[in-house]
PDB file of N, CA and C in Angstrom:
ATOM      1  N   UNK A   1     -65.951  63.112  77.034  1.00  0.00           N
ATOM      2  CA  UNK A   1     -66.078  64.347  77.791  1.00  0.00           C
ATOM      3  C   UNK A   1     -67.276  65.137  77.253  1.00  0.00           C
ATOM      4  N   UNK A   2     -68.052  65.694  78.150  1.00  0.00           N
ATOM      5  CA  UNK A   2     -69.251  66.445  77.753  1.00  0.00           C
ATOM      6  C   UNK A   2     -68.866  67.745  77.058  1.00  0.00           C
ATOM      7  N   UNK A   3     -69.643  68.066  76.029  1.00  0.00           N
ATOM      8  CA  UNK A   3     -69.415  69.293  75.285  1.00  0.00           C
ATOM      9  C   UNK A   3     -69.829  70.491  76.138  1.00  0.00           C
ATOM     10  N   UNK A   4     -68.997  71.542  76.142  1.00  0.00           N
ATOM     11  CA  UNK A   4     -69.324  72.742  76.912  1.00  0.00           C
ATOM     12  C   UNK A   4     -70.431  73.504  76.197  1.00  0.00           C
ATOM     13  N   UNK A   5     -71.451  73.892  76.951  1.00  0.00           N
ATOM     14  CA  UNK A   5     -72.570  74.623  76.376  1.00  0.00           C
ATOM     15  C   UNK A   5     -72.196  76.082  76.147  1.00  0.00           C
ATOM     16  N   UNK A   6     -72.697  76.617  75.053  1.00  0.00           N
ATOM     17  CA  UNK A   6     -72.491  78.024  74.724  1.00  0.00           C
ATOM     18  C   UNK A   6     -73.709  78.799  75.245  1.00  0.00           C
ATOM     19  N   UNK A   7     -73.635  79.191  76.527  1.00  0.00           N
ATOM     20  CA  UNK A   7     -74.775  79.822  77.183  1.00  0.00           C
ATOM     21  C   UNK A   7     -74.820  81.325  76.932  1.00  0.00           C
ATOM     22  N   UNK A   8     -76.053  81.801  76.742  1.00  0.00           N
ATOM     23  CA  UNK A   8     -76.305  83.223  76.484  1.00  0.00           C
ATOM     24  C   UNK A   8     -77.445  83.670  77.391  1.00  0.00           C
ATOM     25  N   UNK A   9     -77.322  84.886  77.935  1.00  0.00           N
ATOM     26  CA  UNK A   9     -78.367  85.489  78.754  1.00  0.00           C
ATOM     27  C   UNK A   9     -79.149  86.451  77.865  1.00  0.00           C
ATOM     28  N   UNK A  10     -80.461  86.272  77.817  1.00  0.00           N
ATOM     29  CA  UNK A  10     -81.334  87.144  77.031  1.00  0.00           C
ATOM     30  C   UNK A  10     -82.282  87.852  77.990  1.00  0.00           C
ATOM     31  N   UNK A  11     -82.378  89.172  77.863  1.00  0.00           N
ATOM     32  CA  UNK A  11     -83.324  89.935  78.666  1.00  0.00           C
ATOM     33  C   UNK A  11     -84.311  90.638  77.739  1.00  0.00           C
ATOM     34  N   UNK A  12     -85.563  90.683  78.174  1.00  0.00           N
ATOM     35  CA  UNK A  12     -86.633  91.313  77.410  1.00  0.00           C
ATOM     36  C   UNK A  12     -87.388  92.235  78.365  1.00  0.00           C
ATOM     37  N   UNK A  13     -87.510  93.512  77.996  1.00  0.00           N
ATOM     38  CA  UNK A  13     -88.185  94.489  78.847  1.00  0.00           C
ATOM     39  C   UNK A  13     -89.046  95.401  77.989  1.00  0.00           C
ATOM     40  N   UNK A  14     -90.260  95.696  78.475  1.00  0.00           N
ATOM     41  CA  UNK A  14     -91.128  96.637  77.773  1.00  0.00           C
ATOM     42  C   UNK A  14     -92.553  96.549  78.268  1.00  0.00           C
ATOM     43  N   UNK A  15     -93.419  97.323  77.658  1.00  0.00           N
ATOM     44  CA  UNK A  15     -94.842  97.276  77.989  1.00  0.00           C
ATOM     45  C   UNK A  15     -95.371  95.887  77.650  1.00  0.00           C
ATOM     46  N   UNK A  16     -96.208  95.353  78.534  1.00  0.00           N
ATOM     47  CA  UNK A  16     -96.762  94.026  78.314  1.00  0.00           C
ATOM     48  C   UNK A  16     -97.734  94.037  77.141  1.00  0.00           C
ATOM     49  N   UNK A  17     -97.547  93.106  76.228  1.00  0.00           N
ATOM     50  CA  UNK A  17     -98.464  92.919  75.105  1.00  0.00           C
ATOM     51  C   UNK A  17     -98.580  91.425  74.824  1.00  0.00           C
ATOM     52  N   UNK A  18     -99.592  91.050  74.112  1.00  0.00           N
ATOM     53  CA  UNK A  18     -99.789  89.655  73.732  1.00  0.00           C
ATOM     54  C   UNK A  18     -98.698  89.219  72.753  1.00  0.00           C
ATOM     55  N   UNK A  19     -98.119  88.055  72.972  1.00  0.00           N
ATOM     56  CA  UNK A  19     -97.210  87.464  72.002  1.00  0.00           C
ATOM     57  C   UNK A  19     -95.729  87.668  72.224  1.00  0.00           C
ATOM     58  N   UNK A  20     -95.333  88.322  73.311  1.00  0.00           N
ATOM     59  CA  UNK A  20     -93.896  88.568  73.526  1.00  0.00           C
ATOM     60  C   UNK A  20     -93.139  87.250  73.659  1.00  0.00           C
ATOM     61  N   UNK A  21     -93.589  86.386  74.554  1.00  0.00           N
ATOM     62  CA  UNK A  21     -92.890  85.118  74.775  1.00  0.00           C
ATOM     63  C   UNK A  21     -92.912  84.286  73.495  1.00  0.00           C
ATOM     64  N   UNK A  22     -94.050  84.261  72.820  1.00  0.00           N
ATOM     65  CA  UNK A  22     -94.168  83.504  71.574  1.00  0.00           C
ATOM     66  C   UNK A  22     -93.189  83.969  70.515  1.00  0.00           C
ATOM     67  N   UNK A  23     -93.057  85.277  70.350  1.00  0.00           N
ATOM     68  CA  UNK A  23     -92.155  85.835  69.331  1.00  0.00           C
ATOM     69  C   UNK A  23     -90.702  85.457  69.639  1.00  0.00           C
ATOM     70  N   UNK A  24     -90.303  85.624  70.900  1.00  0.00           N
ATOM     71  CA  UNK A  24     -88.923  85.323  71.282  1.00  0.00           C
ATOM     72  C   UNK A  24     -88.645  83.824  71.132  1.00  0.00           C
ATOM     73  N   UNK A  25     -89.543  82.999  71.648  1.00  0.00           N
ATOM     74  CA  UNK A  25     -89.337  81.549  71.594  1.00  0.00           C
ATOM     75  C   UNK A  25     -89.347  81.015  70.165  1.00  0.00           C
ATOM     76  N   UNK A  26     -90.215  81.540  69.318  1.00  0.00           N
ATOM     77  CA  UNK A  26     -90.264  81.127  67.918  1.00  0.00           C
ATOM     78  C   UNK A  26     -88.962  81.486  67.205  1.00  0.00           C
ATOM     79  N   UNK A  27     -88.446  82.677  67.472  1.00  0.00           N
ATOM     80  CA  UNK A  27     -87.176  83.116  66.875  1.00  0.00           C
ATOM     81  C   UNK A  27     -86.050  82.182  67.295  1.00  0.00           C
ATOM     82  N   UNK A  28     -85.977  81.881  68.589  1.00  0.00           N
ATOM     83  CA  UNK A  28     -84.915  81.004  69.091  1.00  0.00           C
ATOM     84  C   UNK A  28     -85.037  79.595  68.513  1.00  0.00           C
ATOM     85  N   UNK A  29     -86.230  79.035  68.551  1.00  0.00           N
ATOM     86  CA  UNK A  29     -86.439  77.671  68.056  1.00  0.00           C
ATOM     87  C   UNK A  29     -86.102  77.559  66.575  1.00  0.00           C
ATOM     88  N   UNK A  30     -86.377  78.611  65.825  1.00  0.00           N
ATOM     89  CA  UNK A  30     -86.090  78.613  64.402  1.00  0.00           C
ATOM     90  C   UNK A  30     -84.610  78.497  64.072  1.00  0.00           C
ATOM     91  N   UNK A  31     -83.771  78.746  65.067  1.00  0.00           N
ATOM     92  CA  UNK A  31     -82.315  78.660  64.869  1.00  0.00           C
ATOM     93  C   UNK A  31     -81.678  77.547  65.693  1.00  0.00           C
ATOM     94  N   UNK A  32     -82.507  76.678  66.267  1.00  0.00           N
ATOM     95  CA  UNK A  32     -81.964  75.559  67.034  1.00  0.00           C
ATOM     96  C   UNK A  32     -81.381  75.967  68.372  1.00  0.00           C
ATOM     97  N   UNK A  33     -81.863  77.064  68.922  1.00  0.00           N
ATOM     98  CA  UNK A  33     -81.370  77.555  70.211  1.00  0.00           C
ATOM     99  C   UNK A  33     -82.280  77.007  71.304  1.00  0.00           C
ATOM    100  N   UNK A  34     -81.680  76.309  72.263  1.00  0.00           N
ATOM    101  CA  UNK A  34     -82.426  75.651  73.328  1.00  0.00           C
ATOM    102  C   UNK A  34     -82.565  76.556  74.553  1.00  0.00           C
ATOM    103  N   UNK A  35     -83.787  76.669  75.073  1.00  0.00           N
ATOM    104  CA  UNK A  35     -84.028  77.443  76.290  1.00  0.00           C
ATOM    105  C   UNK A  35     -83.737  76.546  77.484  1.00  0.00           C
ATOM    106  N   UNK A  36     -82.796  76.977  78.336  1.00  0.00           N
ATOM    107  CA  UNK A  36     -82.417  76.207  79.518  1.00  0.00           C
ATOM    108  C   UNK A  36     -83.187  76.653  80.754  1.00  0.00           C
ATOM    109  N   UNK A  37     -83.455  77.949  80.848  1.00  0.00           N
ATOM    110  CA  UNK A  37     -84.162  78.497  82.004  1.00  0.00           C
ATOM    111  C   UNK A  37     -84.858  79.780  81.578  1.00  0.00           C
ATOM    112  N   UNK A  38     -86.003  80.054  82.189  1.00  0.00           N
ATOM    113  CA  UNK A  38     -86.763  81.238  81.831  1.00  0.00           C
ATOM    114  C   UNK A  38     -87.508  81.749  83.062  1.00  0.00           C
ATOM    115  N   UNK A  39     -87.511  83.057  83.222  1.00  0.00           N
ATOM    116  CA  UNK A  39     -88.243  83.692  84.307  1.00  0.00           C
ATOM    117  C   UNK A  39     -88.881  84.949  83.733  1.00  0.00           C
ATOM    118  N   UNK A  40     -90.157  85.148  84.049  1.00  0.00           N
ATOM    119  CA  UNK A  40     -90.807  86.360  83.558  1.00  0.00           C
ATOM    120  C   UNK A  40     -91.756  86.895  84.608  1.00  0.00           C
ATOM    121  N   UNK A  41     -91.862  88.217  84.660  1.00  0.00           N
ATOM    122  CA  UNK A  41     -92.783  88.885  85.574  1.00  0.00           C
ATOM    123  C   UNK A  41     -93.424  90.057  84.856  1.00  0.00           C
ATOM    124  N   UNK A  42     -94.562  90.453  85.367  1.00  0.00           N
ATOM    125  CA  UNK A  42     -95.226  91.655  84.883  1.00  0.00           C
ATOM    126  C   UNK A  42     -95.490  92.517  86.116  1.00  0.00           C
ATOM    127  N   UNK A  43     -94.989  93.735  86.101  1.00  0.00           N
ATOM    128  CA  UNK A  43     -95.160  94.660  87.211  1.00  0.00           C
ATOM    129  C   UNK A  43     -95.738  95.960  86.666  1.00  0.00           C
ATOM    130  N   UNK A  44     -96.906  96.317  87.130  1.00  0.00           N
ATOM    131  CA  UNK A  44     -97.585  97.550  86.711  1.00  0.00           C
ATOM    132  C   UNK A  44     -97.621  97.703  85.193  1.00  0.00           C
ATOM    133  N   UNK A  45     -97.899  96.610  84.504  1.00  0.00           N
ATOM    134  CA  UNK A  45     -98.028  96.662  83.053  1.00  0.00           C
ATOM    135  C   UNK A  45     -96.717  96.549  82.289  1.00  0.00           C
ATOM    136  N   UNK A  46     -95.605  96.406  82.989  1.00  0.00           N
ATOM    137  CA  UNK A  46     -94.303  96.250  82.343  1.00  0.00           C
ATOM    138  C   UNK A  46     -93.863  94.798  82.402  1.00  0.00           C
ATOM    139  N   UNK A  47     -93.485  94.282  81.243  1.00  0.00           N
ATOM    140  CA  UNK A  47     -93.052  92.901  81.083  1.00  0.00           C
ATOM    141  C   UNK A  47     -91.543  92.832  81.250  1.00  0.00           C
ATOM    142  N   UNK A  48     -91.068  91.832  82.010  1.00  0.00           N
ATOM    143  CA  UNK A  48     -89.641  91.633  82.203  1.00  0.00           C
ATOM    144  C   UNK A  48     -89.369  90.131  82.134  1.00  0.00           C
ATOM    145  N   UNK A  49     -88.474  89.731  81.246  1.00  0.00           N
ATOM    146  CA  UNK A  49     -88.139  88.309  81.108  1.00  0.00           C
ATOM    147  C   UNK A  49     -86.632  88.145  81.022  1.00  0.00           C
ATOM    148  N   UNK A  50     -86.152  87.094  81.661  1.00  0.00           N
ATOM    149  CA  UNK A  50     -84.739  86.733  81.573  1.00  0.00           C
ATOM    150  C   UNK A  50     -84.679  85.261  81.194  1.00  0.00           C
ATOM    151  N   UNK A  51     -83.855  84.961  80.216  1.00  0.00           N
ATOM    152  CA  UNK A  51     -83.705  83.587  79.738  1.00  0.00           C
ATOM    153  C   UNK A  51     -82.234  83.213  79.716  1.00  0.00           C
ATOM    154  N   UNK A  52     -81.964  81.955  79.991  1.00  0.00           N
ATOM    155  CA  UNK A  52     -80.641  81.392  79.750  1.00  0.00           C
ATOM    156  C   UNK A  52     -80.850  80.390  78.615  1.00  0.00           C
ATOM    157  N   UNK A  53     -80.103  80.566  77.533  1.00  0.00           N
ATOM    158  CA  UNK A  53     -80.255  79.691  76.381  1.00  0.00           C
ATOM    159  C   UNK A  53     -78.918  79.070  76.013  1.00  0.00           C
ATOM    160  N   UNK A  54     -78.989  77.979  75.270  1.00  0.00           N
ATOM    161  CA  UNK A  54     -77.799  77.272  74.798  1.00  0.00           C
ATOM    162  C   UNK A  54     -77.726  77.390  73.280  1.00  0.00           C
ATOM    163  N   UNK A  55     -76.675  78.054  72.806  1.00  0.00           N
ATOM    164  CA  UNK A  55     -76.482  78.255  71.367  1.00  0.00           C
ATOM    165  C   UNK A  55     -75.533  77.238  70.750  1.00  0.00           C
ATOM    166  N   UNK A  56     -75.174  76.198  71.488  1.00  0.00           N
ATOM    167  CA  UNK A  56     -74.196  75.219  71.011  1.00  0.00           C
ATOM    168  C   UNK A  56     -74.544  74.659  69.634  1.00  0.00           C
ATOM    169  N   UNK A  57     -75.810  74.340  69.407  1.00  0.00           N
ATOM    170  CA  UNK A  57     -76.218  73.723  68.136  1.00  0.00           C
ATOM    171  C   UNK A  57     -76.960  74.693  67.220  1.00  0.00           C
ATOM    172  N   UNK A  58     -76.788  75.973  67.461  1.00  0.00           N
ATOM    173  CA  UNK A  58     -77.489  76.987  66.675  1.00  0.00           C
ATOM    174  C   UNK A  58     -76.936  77.082  65.257  1.00  0.00           C
ATOM    175  N   UNK A  59     -77.811  77.482  64.330  1.00  0.00           N
ATOM    176  CA  UNK A  59     -77.382  77.690  62.940  1.00  0.00           C
ATOM    177  C   UNK A  59     -77.110  79.164  62.649  1.00  0.00           C
ATOM    178  N   UNK A  60     -76.976  79.976  63.714  1.00  0.00           N
ATOM    179  CA  UNK A  60     -76.776  81.412  63.566  1.00  0.00           C
ATOM    180  C   UNK A  60     -75.660  81.844  64.517  1.00  0.00           C
ATOM    181  N   UNK A  61     -74.896  82.861  64.132  1.00  0.00           N
ATOM    182  CA  UNK A  61     -73.822  83.350  64.996  1.00  0.00           C
ATOM    183  C   UNK A  61     -74.419  84.152  66.151  1.00  0.00           C
ATOM    184  N   UNK A  62     -73.650  84.319  67.205  1.00  0.00           N
ATOM    185  CA  UNK A  62     -74.087  85.110  68.355  1.00  0.00           C
ATOM    186  C   UNK A  62     -74.450  86.529  67.918  1.00  0.00           C
ATOM    187  N   UNK A  63     -73.600  87.136  67.121  1.00  0.00           N
ATOM    188  CA  UNK A  63     -73.822  88.504  66.644  1.00  0.00           C
ATOM    189  C   UNK A  63     -75.110  88.625  65.832  1.00  0.00           C
ATOM    190  N   UNK A  64     -75.330  87.665  64.927  1.00  0.00           N
ATOM    191  CA  UNK A  64     -76.555  87.686  64.124  1.00  0.00           C
ATOM    192  C   UNK A  64     -77.794  87.428  64.985  1.00  0.00           C
ATOM    193  N   UNK A  65     -77.639  86.599  66.006  1.00  0.00           N
ATOM    194  CA  UNK A  65     -78.738  86.341  66.934  1.00  0.00           C
ATOM    195  C   UNK A  65     -79.105  87.624  67.679  1.00  0.00           C
ATOM    196  N   UNK A  66     -78.090  88.355  68.146  1.00  0.00           N
ATOM    197  CA  UNK A  66     -78.335  89.638  68.824  1.00  0.00           C
ATOM    198  C   UNK A  66     -79.147  90.564  67.923  1.00  0.00           C
ATOM    199  N   UNK A  67     -78.711  90.683  66.683  1.00  0.00           N
ATOM    200  CA  UNK A  67     -79.380  91.583  65.737  1.00  0.00           C
ATOM    201  C   UNK A  67     -80.807  91.140  65.452  1.00  0.00           C
ATOM    202  N   UNK A  68     -81.010  89.845  65.237  1.00  0.00           N
ATOM    203  CA  UNK A  68     -82.340  89.334  64.909  1.00  0.00           C
ATOM    204  C   UNK A  68     -83.310  89.505  66.084  1.00  0.00           C
ATOM    205  N   UNK A  69     -82.828  89.228  67.300  1.00  0.00           N
ATOM    206  CA  UNK A  69     -83.695  89.397  68.467  1.00  0.00           C
ATOM    207  C   UNK A  69     -84.002  90.873  68.730  1.00  0.00           C
ATOM    208  N   UNK A  70     -83.017  91.744  68.535  1.00  0.00           N
ATOM    209  CA  UNK A  70     -83.256  93.184  68.710  1.00  0.00           C
ATOM    210  C   UNK A  70     -84.313  93.662  67.721  1.00  0.00           C
ATOM    211  N   UNK A  71     -84.233  93.198  66.478  1.00  0.00           N
ATOM    212  CA  UNK A  71     -85.217  93.573  65.455  1.00  0.00           C
ATOM    213  C   UNK A  71     -86.602  93.019  65.801  1.00  0.00           C
ATOM    214  N   UNK A  72     -86.647  91.773  66.290  1.00  0.00           N
ATOM    215  CA  UNK A  72     -87.920  91.175  66.694  1.00  0.00           C
ATOM    216  C   UNK A  72     -88.535  91.970  67.840  1.00  0.00           C
ATOM    217  N   UNK A  73     -87.709  92.405  68.771  1.00  0.00           N
ATOM    218  CA  UNK A  73     -88.180  93.214  69.885  1.00  0.00           C
ATOM    219  C   UNK A  73     -88.742  94.539  69.420  1.00  0.00           C
ATOM    220  N   UNK A  74     -88.063  95.151  68.476  1.00  0.00           N
ATOM    221  CA  UNK A  74     -88.536  96.425  67.932  1.00  0.00           C
ATOM    222  C   UNK A  74     -89.911  96.248  67.285  1.00  0.00           C
ATOM    223  N   UNK A  75     -90.098  95.127  66.589  1.00  0.00           N
ATOM    224  CA  UNK A  75     -91.376  94.832  65.933  1.00  0.00           C
ATOM    225  C   UNK A  75     -92.535  94.774  66.928  1.00  0.00           C
ATOM    226  N   UNK A  76     -92.265  94.299  68.144  1.00  0.00           N
ATOM    227  CA  UNK A  76     -93.336  94.132  69.125  1.00  0.00           C
ATOM    228  C   UNK A  76     -93.258  95.147  70.269  1.00  0.00           C
ATOM    229  N   UNK A  77     -92.343  96.104  70.177  1.00  0.00           N
ATOM    230  CA  UNK A  77     -92.292  97.196  71.142  1.00  0.00           C
ATOM    231  C   UNK A  77     -91.592  96.902  72.455  1.00  0.00           C
ATOM    232  N   UNK A  78     -90.623  95.978  72.433  1.00  0.00           N
ATOM    233  CA  UNK A  78     -89.831  95.692  73.632  1.00  0.00           C
ATOM    234  C   UNK A  78     -88.341  95.764  73.288  1.00  0.00           C
ATOM    235  N   UNK A  79     -87.537  95.857  74.318  1.00  0.00           N
ATOM    236  CA  UNK A  79     -86.080  95.833  74.152  1.00  0.00           C
ATOM    237  C   UNK A  79     -85.591  94.427  74.452  1.00  0.00           C
ATOM    238  N   UNK A  80     -84.827  93.846  73.532  1.00  0.00           N
ATOM    239  CA  UNK A  80     -84.255  92.519  73.749  1.00  0.00           C
ATOM    240  C   UNK A  80     -82.736  92.625  73.636  1.00  0.00           C
ATOM    241  N   UNK A  81     -82.056  92.154  74.677  1.00  0.00           N
ATOM    242  CA  UNK A  81     -80.594  92.190  74.704  1.00  0.00           C
ATOM    243  C   UNK A  81     -80.045  90.797  74.974  1.00  0.00           C
ATOM    244  N   UNK A  82     -78.903  90.496  74.349  1.00  0.00           N
ATOM    245  CA  UNK A  82     -78.221  89.206  74.534  1.00  0.00           C
ATOM    246  C   UNK A  82     -76.797  89.460  75.007  1.00  0.00           C
ATOM    247  N   UNK A  83     -76.360  88.651  75.951  1.00  0.00           N
ATOM    248  CA  UNK A  83     -74.975  88.692  76.409  1.00  0.00           C
ATOM    249  C   UNK A  83     -74.504  87.262  76.610  1.00  0.00           C
ATOM    250  N   UNK A  84     -73.263  87.023  76.290  1.00  0.00           N
ATOM    251  CA  UNK A  84     -72.687  85.713  76.588  1.00  0.00           C
ATOM    252  C   UNK A  84     -72.657  85.552  78.109  1.00  0.00           C
ATOM    253  N   UNK A  85     -72.965  84.360  78.580  1.00  0.00           N
ATOM    254  CA  UNK A  85     -73.058  84.137  80.026  1.00  0.00           C
ATOM    255  C   UNK A  85     -71.762  84.472  80.752  1.00  0.00           C
ATOM    256  N   UNK A  86     -70.609  84.114  80.187  1.00  0.00           N
ATOM    257  CA  UNK A  86     -69.350  84.386  80.875  1.00  0.00           C
ATOM    258  C   UNK A  86     -69.103  85.888  81.013  1.00  0.00           C
ATOM    259  N   UNK A  87     -69.472  86.679  80.021  1.00  0.00           N
ATOM    260  CA  UNK A  87     -69.323  88.143  80.093  1.00  0.00           C
ATOM    261  C   UNK A  87     -70.302  88.694  81.129  1.00  0.00           C
ATOM    262  N   UNK A  88     -71.544  88.205  81.104  1.00  0.00           N
ATOM    263  CA  UNK A  88     -72.572  88.624  82.058  1.00  0.00           C
ATOM    264  C   UNK A  88     -72.081  88.353  83.490  1.00  0.00           C
ATOM    265  N   UNK A  89     -71.537  87.153  83.732  1.00  0.00           N
ATOM    266  CA  UNK A  89     -71.041  86.810  85.048  1.00  0.00           C
ATOM    267  C   UNK A  89     -69.920  87.726  85.494  1.00  0.00           C
ATOM    268  N   UNK A  90     -68.997  88.025  84.593  1.00  0.00           N
ATOM    269  CA  UNK A  90     -67.870  88.893  84.942  1.00  0.00           C
ATOM    270  C   UNK A  90     -68.330  90.313  85.279  1.00  0.00           C
ATOM    271  N   UNK A  91     -69.335  90.790  84.566  1.00  0.00           N
ATOM    272  CA  UNK A  91     -69.832  92.148  84.812  1.00  0.00           C
ATOM    273  C   UNK A  91     -70.550  92.262  86.147  1.00  0.00           C
ATOM    274  N   UNK A  92     -71.072  91.148  86.661  1.00  0.00           N
ATOM    275  CA  UNK A  92     -71.878  91.200  87.877  1.00  0.00           C
ATOM    276  C   UNK A  92     -71.198  90.591  89.093  1.00  0.00           C
ATOM    277  N   UNK A  93     -69.886  90.440  89.021  1.00  0.00           N
ATOM    278  CA  UNK A  93     -69.137  89.970  90.182  1.00  0.00           C
ATOM    279  C   UNK A  93     -68.852  91.142  91.099  1.00  0.00           C
ATOM    280  N   UNK A  94     -68.902  90.872  92.389  1.00  0.00           N
ATOM    281  CA  UNK A  94     -68.675  91.936  93.376  1.00  0.00           C
ATOM    282  C   UNK A  94     -67.212  92.030  93.679  1.00  0.00           C
TER     283      UNK A  94
END
C-alpha cells in the first residue's frame, strides 16, 4: 500500500526581491522536503507564491518548519505561512 503523503501548503507574500524562491527552496531542500507543485506571480511589484510540499521524509517537525520558514521570510522581507493541507482544505470548503 502506498504511503500517505504529508502535504503542506506554503504561501509567500511580499515586495518582490531577488532570491525569494531560492531562499524558500534551499530551506525546504535542506530538510528533505519535496516540492510537489508551485505557482508564483508578481503583480505591481508584489510577489505571491503558493507551494504544495511533501514533508513525509523531512528531518524537521511541521512546527519547526513553520518557525524556520517564517524566520527566513523575515530575513528577506516577505511573509511565509505554512498550513497542513487537510486543515487548509477544511477552512476553504463552502
